[in-house]
Structure formats: structure tokens, C-alpha cells
Amino acid sequence: MRPLREYLARFTNLTPPERVIKDVVAAAVKKVCGFIVSTEEIKLSGSKVHLKIDSVRRSEIMLHKAAILREVAETLPGKRIVRDLS
């Protein structure tokens, strides 16, 4: 009889749906920077997040980039799903 671990091994590399990642990034930006970024303004490309926003808000996000990435990593434990913001 095979151990249960062998049957569940294929589920260890699952990533959350794109909508969940966008929601977490938007919540982290709101918490750290204090303004709202809609999920329509967020685009995912692999492990990189692209923000389609105006330059003033982009500058503020880039100033707090490390704190936002840390917040996302704490909310989505396990692998580093989001590695960069641009």
C-alpha cells in the first residue's frame, strides 16, 4: 500500500487563481500606500505584477515596493508568487 503523501504530491505546486493574487496585491497597496488600486489596473505576467496606473500613484508604489511585496508574501504563504512590481 502506497503512503498518502504519494497521492497528494501533485497538489503541492498549486498556485492561487489570478483573481486572488490581484485582490491580495490591491489590498497590500491600499494598506501600505493608503489609496485604492482596482483589480482591472493590475496585470500578472508570470511572477511579475504590472500596474496600469498614473505616474503619481506609480511613484508612490515604487517608493514602498519592498513593503508591498513583503505584505503580499505574508498574505500568500509558501512560494514567492509575486516577485516584482512594475
PDB file of N, CA and C in Angstrom:
ATOM      1  N   MET A   1       0.838  -1.181   0.000  1.00  0.00           N
ATOM      2  CA  MET A   1       0.000   0.000   0.000  1.00  0.00           C
ATOM      3  C   MET A   1       0.887   1.250   0.000  1.00  0.00           C
ATOM      4  N   ARG A   2       0.590   2.188  -0.894  1.00  0.00           N
ATOM      5  CA  ARG A   2       1.405   3.406  -1.002  1.00  0.00           C
ATOM      6  C   ARG A   2       0.964   4.445   0.032  1.00  0.00           C
ATOM      7  N   PRO A   3       1.924   5.220   0.539  1.00  0.00           N
ATOM      8  CA  PRO A   3       1.560   6.247   1.512  1.00  0.00           C
ATOM      9  C   PRO A   3       0.727   7.364   0.866  1.00  0.00           C
ATOM     10  N   LEU A   4      -0.047   8.009   1.672  1.00  0.00           N
ATOM     11  CA  LEU A   4      -0.918   9.090   1.216  1.00  0.00           C
ATOM     12  C   LEU A   4      -0.122  10.232   0.590  1.00  0.00           C
ATOM     13  N   ARG A   5       1.082  10.456   1.059  1.00  0.00           N
ATOM     14  CA  ARG A   5       1.954  11.513   0.563  1.00  0.00           C
ATOM     15  C   ARG A   5       2.168  11.394  -0.950  1.00  0.00           C
ATOM     16  N   GLU A   6       2.281  10.194  -1.447  1.00  0.00           N
ATOM     17  CA  GLU A   6       2.480   9.981  -2.885  1.00  0.00           C
ATOM     18  C   GLU A   6       1.262  10.412  -3.694  1.00  0.00           C
ATOM     19  N   TYR A   7       0.083  10.198  -3.161  1.00  0.00           N
ATOM     20  CA  TYR A   7      -1.138  10.594  -3.865  1.00  0.00           C
ATOM     21  C   TYR A   7      -1.321  12.114  -3.869  1.00  0.00           C
ATOM     22  N   LEU A   8      -0.887  12.765  -2.821  1.00  0.00           N
ATOM     23  CA  LEU A   8      -1.077  14.202  -2.688  1.00  0.00           C
ATOM     24  C   LEU A   8       0.095  15.022  -3.229  1.00  0.00           C
ATOM     25  N   ALA A   9       1.132  14.385  -3.712  1.00  0.00           N
ATOM     26  CA  ALA A   9       2.329  15.090  -4.172  1.00  0.00           C
ATOM     27  C   ALA A   9       2.038  16.059  -5.316  1.00  0.00           C
ATOM     28  N   ARG A  10       1.109  15.710  -6.176  1.00  0.00           N
ATOM     29  CA  ARG A  10       0.830  16.590  -7.313  1.00  0.00           C
ATOM     30  C   ARG A  10       0.131  17.888  -6.903  1.00  0.00           C
ATOM     31  N   PHE A  11      -0.410  17.966  -5.704  1.00  0.00           N
ATOM     32  CA  PHE A  11      -1.091  19.162  -5.238  1.00  0.00           C
ATOM     33  C   PHE A  11      -0.172  20.128  -4.497  1.00  0.00           C
ATOM     34  N   THR A  12       1.089  19.817  -4.335  1.00  0.00           N
ATOM     35  CA  THR A  12       1.996  20.677  -3.591  1.00  0.00           C
ATOM     36  C   THR A  12       2.420  21.914  -4.373  1.00  0.00           C
ATOM     37  N   ASN A  13       2.313  21.888  -5.690  1.00  0.00           N
ATOM     38  CA  ASN A  13       2.767  23.005  -6.513  1.00  0.00           C
ATOM     39  C   ASN A  13       1.629  23.861  -7.054  1.00  0.00           C
ATOM     40  N   LEU A  14       0.484  23.837  -6.424  1.00  0.00           N
ATOM     41  CA  LEU A  14      -0.648  24.631  -6.888  1.00  0.00           C
ATOM     42  C   LEU A  14      -0.441  26.110  -6.567  1.00  0.00           C
ATOM     43  N   THR A  15      -0.864  26.967  -7.466  1.00  0.00           N
ATOM     44  CA  THR A  15      -0.824  28.409  -7.222  1.00  0.00           C
ATOM     45  C   THR A  15      -2.255  28.917  -7.133  1.00  0.00           C
ATOM     46  N   PRO A  16      -2.468  29.994  -6.396  1.00  0.00           N
ATOM     47  CA  PRO A  16      -3.825  30.532  -6.299  1.00  0.00           C
ATOM     48  C   PRO A  16      -4.283  31.106  -7.644  1.00  0.00           C
ATOM     49  N   PRO A  17      -5.590  31.229  -7.842  1.00  0.00           N
ATOM     50  CA  PRO A  17      -6.091  31.813  -9.089  1.00  0.00           C
ATOM     51  C   PRO A  17      -5.641  33.264  -9.253  1.00  0.00           C
ATOM     52  N   GLU A  18      -5.614  33.725 -10.490  1.00  0.00           N
ATOM     53  CA  GLU A  18      -5.155  35.080 -10.797  1.00  0.00           C
ATOM     54  C   GLU A  18      -5.969  36.137 -10.053  1.00  0.00           C
ATOM     55  N   ARG A  19      -7.274  35.925  -9.931  1.00  0.00           N
ATOM     56  CA  ARG A  19      -8.140  36.885  -9.245  1.00  0.00           C
ATOM     57  C   ARG A  19      -7.728  37.059  -7.787  1.00  0.00           C
ATOM     58  N   VAL A  20      -7.354  35.972  -7.133  1.00  0.00           N
ATOM     59  CA  VAL A  20      -6.941  36.025  -5.728  1.00  0.00           C
ATOM     60  C   VAL A  20      -5.642  36.815  -5.585  1.00  0.00           C
ATOM     61  N   ILE A  21      -4.709  36.582  -6.489  1.00  0.00           N
ATOM     62  CA  ILE A  21      -3.431  37.301  -6.441  1.00  0.00           C
ATOM     63  C   ILE A  21      -3.663  38.797  -6.648  1.00  0.00           C
ATOM     64  N   LYS A  22      -4.514  39.149  -7.609  1.00  0.00           N
ATOM     65  CA  LYS A  22      -4.821  40.568  -7.855  1.00  0.00           C
ATOM     66  C   LYS A  22      -5.464  41.209  -6.635  1.00  0.00           C
ATOM     67  N   ASP A  23      -6.388  40.499  -5.985  1.00  0.00           N
ATOM     68  CA  ASP A  23      -7.041  41.026  -4.785  1.00  0.00           C
ATOM     69  C   ASP A  23      -6.033  41.254  -3.662  1.00  0.00           C
ATOM     70  N   VAL A  24      -5.102  40.326  -3.501  1.00  0.00           N
ATOM     71  CA  VAL A  24      -4.091  40.456  -2.445  1.00  0.00           C
ATOM     72  C   VAL A  24      -3.161  41.630  -2.732  1.00  0.00           C
ATOM     73  N   VAL A  25      -2.748  41.810  -3.987  1.00  0.00           N
ATOM     74  CA  VAL A  25      -1.882  42.933  -4.353  1.00  0.00           C
ATOM     75  C   VAL A  25      -2.614  44.248  -4.127  1.00  0.00           C
ATOM     76  N   ALA A  26      -3.880  44.336  -4.535  1.00  0.00           N
ATOM     77  CA  ALA A  26      -4.665  45.560  -4.341  1.00  0.00           C
ATOM     78  C   ALA A  26      -4.817  45.884  -2.853  1.00  0.00           C
ATOM     79  N   ALA A  27      -5.061  44.866  -2.034  1.00  0.00           N
ATOM     80  CA  ALA A  27      -5.194  45.089  -0.589  1.00  0.00           C
ATOM     81  C   ALA A  27      -3.869  45.529   0.029  1.00  0.00           C
ATOM     82  N   ALA A  28      -2.761  44.975  -0.438  1.00  0.00           N
ATOM     83  CA  ALA A  28      -1.445  45.365   0.091  1.00  0.00           C
ATOM     84  C   ALA A  28      -1.124  46.810  -0.276  1.00  0.00           C
ATOM     85  N   VAL A  29      -1.453  47.214  -1.498  1.00  0.00           N
ATOM     86  CA  VAL A  29      -1.214  48.605  -1.906  1.00  0.00           C
ATOM     87  C   VAL A  29      -2.057  49.542  -1.057  1.00  0.00           C
ATOM     88  N   LYS A  30      -3.310  49.186  -0.825  1.00  0.00           N
ATOM     89  CA  LYS A  30      -4.176  50.030  -0.002  1.00  0.00           C
ATOM     90  C   LYS A  30      -3.660  50.142   1.425  1.00  0.00           C
ATOM     91  N   LYS A  31      -3.197  49.021   1.977  1.00  0.00           N
ATOM     92  CA  LYS A  31      -2.708  49.021   3.361  1.00  0.00           C
ATOM     93  C   LYS A  31      -1.418  49.833   3.497  1.00  0.00           C
ATOM     94  N   VAL A  32      -0.499  49.670   2.551  1.00  0.00           N
ATOM     95  CA  VAL A  32       0.813  50.314   2.668  1.00  0.00           C
ATOM     96  C   VAL A  32       0.778  51.765   2.190  1.00  0.00           C
ATOM     97  N   CYS A  33       0.131  52.017   1.054  1.00  0.00           N
ATOM     98  CA  CYS A  33       0.161  53.353   0.443  1.00  0.00           C
ATOM     99  C   CYS A  33      -1.044  54.215   0.788  1.00  0.00           C
ATOM    100  N   GLY A  34      -2.168  53.590   1.111  1.00  0.00           N
ATOM    101  CA  GLY A  34      -3.335  54.345   1.523  1.00  0.00           C
ATOM    102  C   GLY A  34      -4.282  54.722   0.398  1.00  0.00           C
ATOM    103  N   PHE A  35      -4.075  54.239  -0.809  1.00  0.00           N
ATOM    104  CA  PHE A  35      -5.030  54.511  -1.891  1.00  0.00           C
ATOM    105  C   PHE A  35      -5.421  53.210  -2.571  1.00  0.00           C
ATOM    106  N   ILE A  36      -6.512  53.260  -3.305  1.00  0.00           N
ATOM    107  CA  ILE A  36      -7.093  52.055  -3.897  1.00  0.00           C
ATOM    108  C   ILE A  36      -6.600  51.874  -5.327  1.00  0.00           C
ATOM    109  N   VAL A  37      -6.213  50.645  -5.636  1.00  0.00           N
ATOM    110  CA  VAL A  37      -5.880  50.236  -6.996  1.00  0.00           C
ATOM    111  C   VAL A  37      -6.871  49.129  -7.347  1.00  0.00           C
ATOM    112  N   SER A  38      -7.613  49.317  -8.426  1.00  0.00           N
ATOM    113  CA  SER A  38      -8.611  48.308  -8.799  1.00  0.00           C
ATOM    114  C   SER A  38      -7.921  47.091  -9.417  1.00  0.00           C
ATOM    115  N   THR A  39      -8.609  45.972  -9.392  1.00  0.00           N
ATOM    116  CA  THR A  39      -8.037  44.752  -9.952  1.00  0.00           C
ATOM    117  C   THR A  39      -7.919  44.840 -11.473  1.00  0.00           C
ATOM    118  N   GLU A  40      -8.688  45.719 -12.111  1.00  0.00           N
ATOM    119  CA  GLU A  40      -8.569  45.908 -13.560  1.00  0.00           C
ATOM    120  C   GLU A  40      -7.271  46.609 -13.934  1.00  0.00           C
ATOM    121  N   GLU A  41      -6.685  47.338 -12.998  1.00  0.00           N
ATOM    122  CA  GLU A  41      -5.426  48.047 -13.244  1.00  0.00           C
ATOM    123  C   GLU A  41      -4.205  47.164 -12.987  1.00  0.00           C
ATOM    124  N   ILE A  42      -4.423  45.944 -12.555  1.00  0.00           N
ATOM    125  CA  ILE A  42      -3.335  45.021 -12.227  1.00  0.00           C
ATOM    126  C   ILE A  42      -3.288  43.922 -13.281  1.00  0.00           C
ATOM    127  N   LYS A  43      -2.096  43.690 -13.828  1.00  0.00           N
ATOM    128  CA  LYS A  43      -1.906  42.630 -14.809  1.00  0.00           C
ATOM    129  C   LYS A  43      -0.772  41.734 -14.318  1.00  0.00           C
ATOM    130  N   LEU A  44      -0.970  40.420 -14.426  1.00  0.00           N
ATOM    131  CA  LEU A  44       0.043  39.465 -13.997  1.00  0.00           C
ATOM    132  C   LEU A  44       0.754  38.893 -15.210  1.00  0.00           C
ATOM    133  N   SER A  45       2.061  38.806 -15.085  1.00  0.00           N
ATOM    134  CA  SER A  45       2.880  38.189 -16.128  1.00  0.00           C
ATOM    135  C   SER A  45       3.894  37.293 -15.417  1.00  0.00           C
ATOM    136  N   GLY A  46       3.540  36.030 -15.275  1.00  0.00           N
ATOM    137  CA  GLY A  46       4.398  35.123 -14.522  1.00  0.00           C
ATOM    138  C   GLY A  46       4.388  35.517 -13.057  1.00  0.00           C
ATOM    139  N   SER A  47       5.557  35.815 -12.509  1.00  0.00           N
ATOM    140  CA  SER A  47       5.639  36.238 -11.112  1.00  0.00           C
ATOM    141  C   SER A  47       5.811  37.752 -10.987  1.00  0.00           C
ATOM    142  N   LYS A  48       5.592  38.472 -12.076  1.00  0.00           N
ATOM    143  CA  LYS A  48       5.729  39.921 -12.081  1.00  0.00           C
ATOM    144  C   LYS A  48       4.359  40.574 -12.195  1.00  0.00           C
ATOM    145  N   VAL A  49       4.145  41.647 -11.442  1.00  0.00           N
ATOM    146  CA  VAL A  49       2.883  42.379 -11.463  1.00  0.00           C
ATOM    147  C   VAL A  49       3.113  43.701 -12.185  1.00  0.00           C
ATOM    148  N   HIS A  50       2.302  43.956 -13.209  1.00  0.00           N
ATOM    149  CA  HIS A  50       2.355  45.210 -13.946  1.00  0.00           C
ATOM    150  C   HIS A  50       1.142  46.042 -13.540  1.00  0.00           C
ATOM    151  N   LEU A  51       1.373  47.295 -13.217  1.00  0.00           N
ATOM    152  CA  LEU A  51       0.294  48.190 -12.806  1.00  0.00           C
ATOM    153  C   LEU A  51       0.038  49.216 -13.901  1.00  0.00           C
ATOM    154  N   LYS A  52      -1.195  49.298 -14.347  1.00  0.00           N
ATOM    155  CA  LYS A  52      -1.588  50.265 -15.367  1.00  0.00           C
ATOM    156  C   LYS A  52      -2.239  51.455 -14.667  1.00  0.00           C
ATOM    157  N   ILE A  53      -1.405  52.287 -14.062  1.00  0.00           N
ATOM    158  CA  ILE A  53      -1.902  53.422 -13.283  1.00  0.00           C
ATOM    159  C   ILE A  53      -1.129  54.676 -13.655  1.00  0.00           C
ATOM    160  N   ASP A  54      -1.598  55.813 -13.143  1.00  0.00           N
ATOM    161  CA  ASP A  54      -0.934  57.085 -13.448  1.00  0.00           C
ATOM    162  C   ASP A  54       0.416  57.176 -12.732  1.00  0.00           C
ATOM    163  N   SER A  55       1.235  58.096 -13.201  1.00  0.00           N
ATOM    164  CA  SER A  55       2.624  58.176 -12.731  1.00  0.00           C
ATOM    165  C   SER A  55       2.752  58.586 -11.268  1.00  0.00           C
ATOM    166  N   VAL A  56       1.826  59.384 -10.763  1.00  0.00           N
ATOM    167  CA  VAL A  56       1.902  59.815  -9.365  1.00  0.00           C
ATOM    168  C   VAL A  56       1.722  58.621  -8.437  1.00  0.00           C
ATOM    169  N   ARG A  57       0.697  57.817  -8.697  1.00  0.00           N
ATOM    170  CA  ARG A  57       0.479  56.638  -7.859  1.00  0.00           C
ATOM    171  C   ARG A  57       1.574  55.603  -8.069  1.00  0.00           C
ATOM    172  N   ARG A  58       2.070  55.476  -9.296  1.00  0.00           N
ATOM    173  CA  ARG A  58       3.161  54.529  -9.576  1.00  0.00           C
ATOM    174  C   ARG A  58       4.410  54.897  -8.777  1.00  0.00           C
ATOM    175  N   SER A  59       4.729  56.183  -8.707  1.00  0.00           N
ATOM    176  CA  SER A  59       5.902  56.625  -7.947  1.00  0.00           C
ATOM    177  C   SER A  59       5.756  56.284  -6.469  1.00  0.00           C
ATOM    178  N   GLU A  60       4.560  56.499  -5.935  1.00  0.00           N
ATOM    179  CA  GLU A  60       4.313  56.181  -4.527  1.00  0.00           C
ATOM    180  C   GLU A  60       4.460  54.677  -4.281  1.00  0.00           C
ATOM    181  N   ILE A  61       3.961  53.876  -5.202  1.00  0.00           N
ATOM    182  CA  ILE A  61       4.076  52.423  -5.060  1.00  0.00           C
ATOM    183  C   ILE A  61       5.532  51.985  -5.145  1.00  0.00           C
ATOM    184  N   MET A  62       6.295  52.578  -6.048  1.00  0.00           N
ATOM    185  CA  MET A  62       7.704  52.213  -6.185  1.00  0.00           C
ATOM    186  C   MET A  62       8.499  52.594  -4.935  1.00  0.00           C
ATOM    187  N   LEU A  63       8.109  53.676  -4.258  1.00  0.00           N
ATOM    188  CA  LEU A  63       8.773  54.052  -3.007  1.00  0.00           C
ATOM    189  C   LEU A  63       8.542  52.994  -1.918  1.00  0.00           C
ATOM    190  N   HIS A  64       7.380  52.374  -1.941  1.00  0.00           N
ATOM    191  CA  HIS A  64       7.004  51.392  -0.918  1.00  0.00           C
ATOM    192  C   HIS A  64       6.990  49.970  -1.469  1.00  0.00           C
ATOM    193  N   LYS A  65       7.730  49.737  -2.523  1.00  0.00           N
ATOM    194  CA  LYS A  65       7.727  48.448  -3.216  1.00  0.00           C
ATOM    195  C   LYS A  65       8.084  47.280  -2.291  1.00  0.00           C
ATOM    196  N   ALA A  66       9.126  47.421  -1.507  1.00  0.00           N
ATOM    197  CA  ALA A  66       9.570  46.339  -0.626  1.00  0.00           C
ATOM    198  C   ALA A  66       8.501  45.998   0.411  1.00  0.00           C
ATOM    199  N   ALA A  67       7.867  47.016   0.973  1.00  0.00           N
ATOM    200  CA  ALA A  67       6.826  46.773   1.978  1.00  0.00           C
ATOM    201  C   ALA A  67       5.605  46.089   1.358  1.00  0.00           C
ATOM    202  N   ILE A  68       5.259  46.471   0.138  1.00  0.00           N
ATOM    203  CA  ILE A  68       4.121  45.855  -0.548  1.00  0.00           C
ATOM    204  C   ILE A  68       4.419  44.386  -0.848  1.00  0.00           C
ATOM    205  N   LEU A  69       5.612  44.107  -1.367  1.00  0.00           N
ATOM    206  CA  LEU A  69       5.991  42.718  -1.659  1.00  0.00           C
ATOM    207  C   LEU A  69       6.029  41.877  -0.391  1.00  0.00           C
ATOM    208  N   ARG A  70       6.492  42.461   0.704  1.00  0.00           N
ATOM    209  CA  ARG A  70       6.522  41.751   1.991  1.00  0.00           C
ATOM    210  C   ARG A  70       5.094  41.427   2.452  1.00  0.00           C
ATOM    211  N   GLU A  71       4.204  42.394   2.316  1.00  0.00           N
ATOM    212  CA  GLU A  71       2.801  42.196   2.700  1.00  0.00           C
ATOM    213  C   GLU A  71       2.141  41.091   1.867  1.00  0.00           C
ATOM    214  N   VAL A  72       2.420  41.077   0.567  1.00  0.00           N
ATOM    215  CA  VAL A  72       1.872  40.038  -0.314  1.00  0.00           C
ATOM    216  C   VAL A  72       2.431  38.677   0.084  1.00  0.00           C
ATOM    217  N   ALA A  73       3.723  38.600   0.380  1.00  0.00           N
ATOM    218  CA  ALA A  73       4.344  37.333   0.768  1.00  0.00           C
ATOM    219  C   ALA A  73       3.770  36.803   2.078  1.00  0.00           C
ATOM    220  N   GLU A  74       3.442  37.703   3.003  1.00  0.00           N
ATOM    221  CA  GLU A  74       2.851  37.270   4.272  1.00  0.00           C
ATOM    222  C   GLU A  74       1.419  36.780   4.080  1.00  0.00           C
ATOM    223  N   THR A  75       0.695  37.404   3.143  1.00  0.00           N
ATOM    224  CA  THR A  75      -0.692  37.020   2.909  1.00  0.00           C
ATOM    225  C   THR A  75      -0.788  35.724   2.121  1.00  0.00           C
ATOM    226  N   LEU A  76       0.119  35.524   1.160  1.00  0.00           N
ATOM    227  CA  LEU A  76       0.151  34.296   0.356  1.00  0.00           C
ATOM    228  C   LEU A  76       1.384  33.494   0.754  1.00  0.00           C
ATOM    229  N   PRO A  77       1.283  32.690   1.818  1.00  0.00           N
ATOM    230  CA  PRO A  77       2.461  31.942   2.280  1.00  0.00           C
ATOM    231  C   PRO A  77       2.861  30.860   1.298  1.00  0.00           C
ATOM    232  N   GLY A  78       4.008  30.324   1.508  1.00  0.00           N
ATOM    233  CA  GLY A  78       4.525  29.276   0.630  1.00  0.00           C
ATOM    234  C   GLY A  78       5.500  29.864  -0.365  1.00  0.00           C
ATOM    235  N   LYS A  79       5.313  29.529  -1.621  1.00  0.00           N
ATOM    236  CA  LYS A  79       6.215  30.036  -2.652  1.00  0.00           C
ATOM    237  C   LYS A  79       6.056  31.540  -2.834  1.00  0.00           C
ATOM    238  N   ARG A  80       7.079  32.151  -3.360  1.00  0.00           N
ATOM    239  CA  ARG A  80       7.001  33.564  -3.693  1.00  0.00           C
ATOM    240  C   ARG A  80       6.284  33.688  -5.031  1.00  0.00           C
ATOM    241  N   ILE A  81       5.004  33.957  -4.987  1.00  0.00           N
ATOM    242  CA  ILE A  81       4.189  34.024  -6.192  1.00  0.00           C
ATOM    243  C   ILE A  81       4.421  35.342  -6.909  1.00  0.00           C
ATOM    244  N   VAL A  82       4.545  36.430  -6.142  1.00  0.00           N
ATOM    245  CA  VAL A  82       4.815  37.746  -6.717  1.00  0.00           C
ATOM    246  C   VAL A  82       6.231  38.128  -6.331  1.00  0.00           C
ATOM    247  N   ARG A  83       7.073  38.331  -7.330  1.00  0.00           N
ATOM    248  CA  ARG A  83       8.473  38.651  -7.068  1.00  0.00           C
ATOM    249  C   ARG A  83       8.847  40.087  -7.407  1.00  0.00           C
ATOM    250  N   ASP A  84       8.017  40.765  -8.224  1.00  0.00           N
ATOM    251  CA  ASP A  84       8.381  42.108  -8.656  1.00  0.00           C
ATOM    252  C   ASP A  84       7.141  42.909  -9.001  1.00  0.00           C
ATOM    253  N   LEU A  85       7.236  44.209  -8.821  1.00  0.00           N
ATOM    254  CA  LEU A  85       6.195  45.158  -9.218  1.00  0.00           C
ATOM    255  C   LEU A  85       6.777  46.105 -10.253  1.00  0.00           C
ATOM    256  N   SER A  86       5.981  46.448 -11.243  1.00  0.00           N
ATOM    257  CA  SER A  86       6.435  47.463 -12.200  1.00  0.00           C
ATOM    258  C   SER A  86       5.245  48.252 -12.698  1.00  0.00           C
TER     259      SER A  86
END
